[in-house]
C-alpha atoms as a PDB file:
ATOM      1  CA  MET A   1      92.668  58.577  83.580  1.00  0.00           C
ATOM      2  CA  SER A   2      95.819  56.591  82.871  1.00  0.00           C
ATOM      3  CA  ASP A   3      95.856  52.841  82.420  1.00  0.00           C
ATOM      4  CA  PHE A   4      97.942  52.540  85.586  1.00  0.00           C
ATOM      5  CA  THR A   5      95.349  54.445  87.652  1.00  0.00           C
ATOM      6  CA  GLU A   6      92.524  52.301  86.256  1.00  0.00           C
ATOM      7  CA  PHE A   7      94.609  49.199  87.021  1.00  0.00           C
ATOM      8  CA  GLY A   8      95.130  50.447  90.598  1.00  0.00           C
ATOM      9  CA  ILE A   9      91.400  51.061  91.055  1.00  0.00           C
ATOM     10  CA  GLU A  10      90.648  47.578  89.688  1.00  0.00           C
ATOM     11  CA  ILE A  11      93.152  45.978  92.105  1.00  0.00           C
ATOM     12  CA  GLU A  12      91.658  47.966  95.001  1.00  0.00           C
ATOM     13  CA  LYS A  13      88.178  46.663  94.092  1.00  0.00           C
ATOM     14  CA  HIS A  14      89.484  43.078  94.090  1.00  0.00           C
ATOM     15  CA  LEU A  15      91.279  43.580  97.419  1.00  0.00           C
ATOM     16  CA  SER A  16      88.133  45.123  98.891  1.00  0.00           C
ATOM     17  CA  LYS A  17      86.107  42.120  97.700  1.00  0.00           C
ATOM     18  CA  LEU A  18      88.753  39.761  99.124  1.00  0.00           C
ATOM     19  CA  GLY A  19      88.550  41.578 102.467  1.00  0.00           C
ATOM     20  CA  LYS A  20      84.738  41.273 102.461  1.00  0.00           C
ATOM     21  CA  ASP A  21      84.974  37.578 101.532  1.00  0.00           C
ATOM     22  CA  ILE A  22      87.421  36.958 104.397  1.00  0.00           C
ATOM     23  CA  GLN A  23      85.191  38.932 106.785  1.00  0.00           C
ATOM     24  CA  GLN A  24      82.146  36.859 105.774  1.00  0.00           C
ATOM     25  CA  PHE A  25      84.193  33.674 106.211  1.00  0.00           C
ATOM     26  CA  VAL A  26      85.345  34.777 109.674  1.00  0.00           C
ATOM     27  CA  GLU A  27      81.777  35.610 110.667  1.00  0.00           C
ATOM     28  CA  LYS A  28      80.689  32.095 109.624  1.00  0.00           C
ATOM     29  CA  VAL A  29      83.533  30.483 111.581  1.00  0.00           C
ATOM     30  CA  VAL A  30      83.109  32.776 114.619  1.00  0.00           C
ATOM     31  CA  PRO A  31      79.337  33.220 114.865  1.00  0.00           C
ATOM     32  CA  LEU A  32      78.168  36.488 116.310  1.00  0.00           C
ATOM     33  CA  THR A  33      75.809  36.391 119.269  1.00  0.00           C
ATOM     34  CA  ASN A  34      72.764  38.489 118.354  1.00  0.00           C
ATOM     35  CA  GLU A  35      72.575  39.714 114.782  1.00  0.00           C
ATOM     36  CA  ASP A  36      70.329  42.704 115.341  1.00  0.00           C
ATOM     37  CA  LYS A  37      72.660  44.106 118.009  1.00  0.00           C
ATOM     38  CA  ASP A  38      76.117  43.019 116.866  1.00  0.00           C
ATOM     39  CA  PHE A  39      78.792  45.657 116.852  1.00  0.00           C
ATOM     40  CA  ALA A  40      80.761  45.802 113.590  1.00  0.00           C
ATOM     41  CA  PRO A  41      83.456  48.470 113.962  1.00  0.00           C
ATOM     42  CA  ASP A  42      84.221  50.742 111.016  1.00  0.00           C
ATOM     43  CA  CYS A  43      87.773  50.796 109.753  1.00  0.00           C
ATOM     44  CA  ASP A  44      90.120  52.711 107.477  1.00  0.00           C
ATOM     45  CA  ILE A  45      93.178  51.261 105.758  1.00  0.00           C
ATOM     46  CA  ILE A  46      95.968  53.702 104.977  1.00  0.00           C
ATOM     47  CA  GLU A  47      99.150  53.130 102.974  1.00  0.00           C
ATOM     48  CA  SER A  48     102.297  55.258 102.955  1.00  0.00           C
ATOM     49  CA  GLU A  49     105.747  54.661 101.478  1.00  0.00           C
ATOM     50  CA  VAL A  50     106.892  52.979 104.697  1.00  0.00           C
ATOM     51  CA  ASP A  51     103.839  51.197 106.115  1.00  0.00           C
ATOM     52  CA  TYR A  52     100.188  50.198 106.109  1.00  0.00           C
ATOM     53  CA  LYS A  53      97.837  51.198 108.921  1.00  0.00           C
ATOM     54  CA  VAL A  54      94.463  49.778 109.897  1.00  0.00           C
ATOM     55  CA  LEU A  55      92.371  52.088 112.074  1.00  0.00           C
ATOM     56  CA  LEU A  56      89.269  50.712 113.801  1.00  0.00           C
ATOM     57  CA  ASP A  57      86.729  52.721 115.761  1.00  0.00           C
ATOM     58  CA  LEU A  58      86.207  50.871 119.054  1.00  0.00           C
ATOM     59  CA  PRO A  59      84.413  53.327 121.356  1.00  0.00           C
ATOM     60  CA  GLY A  60      83.552  52.020 124.779  1.00  0.00           C
ATOM     61  CA  LEU A  61      86.184  49.264 124.800  1.00  0.00           C
ATOM     62  CA  ALA A  62      89.272  48.975 126.991  1.00  0.00           C
ATOM     63  CA  LYS A  63      92.647  47.716 125.708  1.00  0.00           C
ATOM     64  CA  LYS A  64      92.242  44.457 127.608  1.00  0.00           C
ATOM     65  CA  GLU A  65      88.997  43.730 125.716  1.00  0.00           C
ATOM     66  CA  ILE A  66      90.728  43.786 122.309  1.00  0.00           C
ATOM     67  CA  GLY A  67      92.526  40.775 120.871  1.00  0.00           C
ATOM     68  CA  ILE A  68      94.785  40.942 117.816  1.00  0.00           C
ATOM     69  CA  SER A  69      96.275  37.890 116.151  1.00  0.00           C
ATOM     70  CA  LEU A  70      98.091  36.989 112.973  1.00  0.00           C
ATOM     71  CA  LYS A  71      97.852  33.619 111.270  1.00  0.00           C
ATOM     72  CA  ASN A  72      98.617  32.659 107.671  1.00  0.00           C
ATOM     73  CA  ASN A  73      99.132  36.334 106.783  1.00  0.00           C
ATOM     74  CA  VAL A  74      95.618  37.269 107.966  1.00  0.00           C
ATOM     75  CA  LEU A  75      95.387  39.889 110.714  1.00  0.00           C
ATOM     76  CA  THR A  76      92.320  39.440 112.935  1.00  0.00           C
ATOM     77  CA  VAL A  77      90.975  41.902 115.504  1.00  0.00           C
ATOM     78  CA  LYS A  78      88.388  40.500 117.939  1.00  0.00           C
ATOM     79  CA  GLY A  79      86.516  41.830 120.903  1.00  0.00           C
ATOM     80  CA  GLU A  80      83.148  42.402 122.465  1.00  0.00           C
ATOM     81  CA  ARG A  81      81.354  45.583 123.430  1.00  0.00           C
ATOM     82  CA  ASP A  82      78.775  45.283 126.190  1.00  0.00           C
ATOM     83  CA  ILE A  83      76.480  48.207 126.899  1.00  0.00           C
ATOM     84  CA  LYS A  84      74.341  47.966 130.017  1.00  0.00           C
ATOM     85  CA  ALA A  85      72.016  50.273 131.864  1.00  0.00           C
ATOM     86  CA  GLY A  86      72.969  51.044 135.461  1.00  0.00           C
ATOM     87  CA  ASP A  87      71.163  49.834 138.564  1.00  0.00           C
ATOM     88  CA  GLY A  88      67.628  51.206 138.630  1.00  0.00           C
ATOM     89  CA  GLU A  89      67.931  52.333 134.991  1.00  0.00           C
ATOM     90  CA  GLU A  90      66.294  51.052 131.829  1.00  0.00           C
ATOM     91  CA  PHE A  91      66.838  51.856 128.167  1.00  0.00           C
ATOM     92  CA  LYS A  92      64.142  54.021 126.568  1.00  0.00           C
ATOM     93  CA  ARG A  93      66.056  53.888 123.287  1.00  0.00           C
ATOM     94  CA  GLN A  94      69.088  51.825 122.427  1.00  0.00           C
ATOM     95  CA  GLU A  95      70.801  52.562 119.112  1.00  0.00           C
ATOM     96  CA  ARG A  96      74.442  51.867 119.961  1.00  0.00           C
ATOM     97  CA  LYS A  97      75.439  48.407 118.775  1.00  0.00           C
ATOM     98  CA  ARG A  98      76.916  45.855 121.133  1.00  0.00           C
ATOM     99  CA  GLY A  99      78.165  42.309 120.975  1.00  0.00           C
ATOM    100  CA  ALA A 100      81.113  40.305 119.714  1.00  0.00           C
ATOM    101  CA  PHE A 101      83.006  41.283 116.603  1.00  0.00           C
ATOM    102  CA  ALA A 102      85.849  39.959 114.466  1.00  0.00           C
ATOM    103  CA  ARG A 103      87.422  41.862 111.583  1.00  0.00           C
ATOM    104  CA  SER A 104      90.048  40.157 109.412  1.00  0.00           C
ATOM    105  CA  PHE A 105      92.472  41.638 106.905  1.00  0.00           C
ATOM    106  CA  ALA A 106      94.652  39.799 104.383  1.00  0.00           C
ATOM    107  CA  LEU A 107      98.120  41.333 104.619  1.00  0.00           C
ATOM    108  CA  PRO A 108     100.144  42.281 101.560  1.00  0.00           C
ATOM    109  CA  GLU A 109     103.340  40.298 101.002  1.00  0.00           C
ATOM    110  CA  ALA A 110     105.491  43.357 101.712  1.00  0.00           C
ATOM    111  CA  VAL A 111     104.534  43.547 105.413  1.00  0.00           C
ATOM    112  CA  ASN A 112     107.207  42.728 107.985  1.00  0.00           C
ATOM    113  CA  THR A 113     104.930  40.798 110.345  1.00  0.00           C
ATOM    114  CA  ALA A 114     107.568  40.680 113.104  1.00  0.00           C
ATOM    115  CA  GLU A 115     107.355  44.470 113.480  1.00  0.00           C
ATOM    116  CA  ILE A 116     103.561  44.934 113.540  1.00  0.00           C
ATOM    117  CA  SER A 117     102.514  47.163 116.425  1.00  0.00           C
ATOM    118  CA  ALA A 118      99.183  48.348 117.796  1.00  0.00           C
ATOM    119  CA  SER A 119      98.085  51.335 119.852  1.00  0.00           C
ATOM    120  CA  PHE A 120      94.706  52.293 121.312  1.00  0.00           C
ATOM    121  CA  ARG A 121      93.891  55.940 121.981  1.00  0.00           C
ATOM    122  CA  ASN A 122      90.607  57.839 122.255  1.00  0.00           C
ATOM    123  CA  GLY A 123      88.583  54.798 121.165  1.00  0.00           C
ATOM    124  CA  VAL A 124      90.619  54.222 117.979  1.00  0.00           C
ATOM    125  CA  LEU A 125      92.777  51.118 117.510  1.00  0.00           C
ATOM    126  CA  THR A 126      95.700  51.698 115.125  1.00  0.00           C
ATOM    127  CA  VAL A 127      97.590  48.677 113.830  1.00  0.00           C
ATOM    128  CA  SER A 128     100.837  49.721 112.094  1.00  0.00           C
ATOM    129  CA  MET A 129     102.431  47.302 109.666  1.00  0.00           C
ATOM    130  CA  PRO A 130     105.855  48.354 108.347  1.00  0.00           C
ATOM    131  CA  LYS A 131     106.787  47.428 104.802  1.00  0.00           C
ATOM    132  CA  SER A 132     109.904  45.311 104.379  1.00  0.00           C
ATOM    133  CA  ASP A 133     111.621  42.964 101.988  1.00  0.00           C
ATOM    134  CA  LYS A 134     112.531  40.719 104.938  1.00  0.00           C
ATOM    135  CA  LEU A 135     109.480  38.675 105.863  1.00  0.00           C
ATOM    136  CA  LYS A 136     109.203  37.141 109.339  1.00  0.00           C
ATOM    137  CA  ASP A 137     106.312  35.599 111.236  1.00  0.00           C
ATOM    138  CA  THR A 138     104.612  36.333 114.567  1.00  0.00           C
ATOM    139  CA  THR A 139     101.356  35.227 116.147  1.00  0.00           C
ATOM    140  CA  SER A 140     100.332  37.779 118.788  1.00  0.00           C
ATOM    141  CA  ILE A 141     100.360  41.571 118.688  1.00  0.00           C
ATOM    142  CA  PRO A 142     100.141  43.476 121.992  1.00  0.00           C
ATOM    143  CA  VAL A 143      97.995  46.619 122.182  1.00  0.00           C
ATOM    144  CA  ASN A 144      99.906  49.593 123.659  1.00  0.00           C
END
């Protein structure tokens, strides 16, 4: 393994730790409602030559229930998933998580924040963040 590859792996570990630290901070600032049932969506972060993408699994949510914001170069996705039994029904087993969630991601310097876009299809939220040398600022990202 080359020194550059080891360096890249080391940086990725530090970024992963930073992301976890930010997530823990967000969870302290925005307390979750019921710890044993809170929904914490899984995510993937993908990088290409032209952009970064964050993909979050949000099954059971509608676009209007998802909020995305950007402040101080930290992207935050918030929402709440509520799972209820119908009238005359009761849960015999309930394994699917529900509740409020907030996931935060520190953005790399190379992201053009003015061109961040989001789409929601088949229960997956995709936030696309184009790379750019020209850095601008925005506060709200609509979900398409």
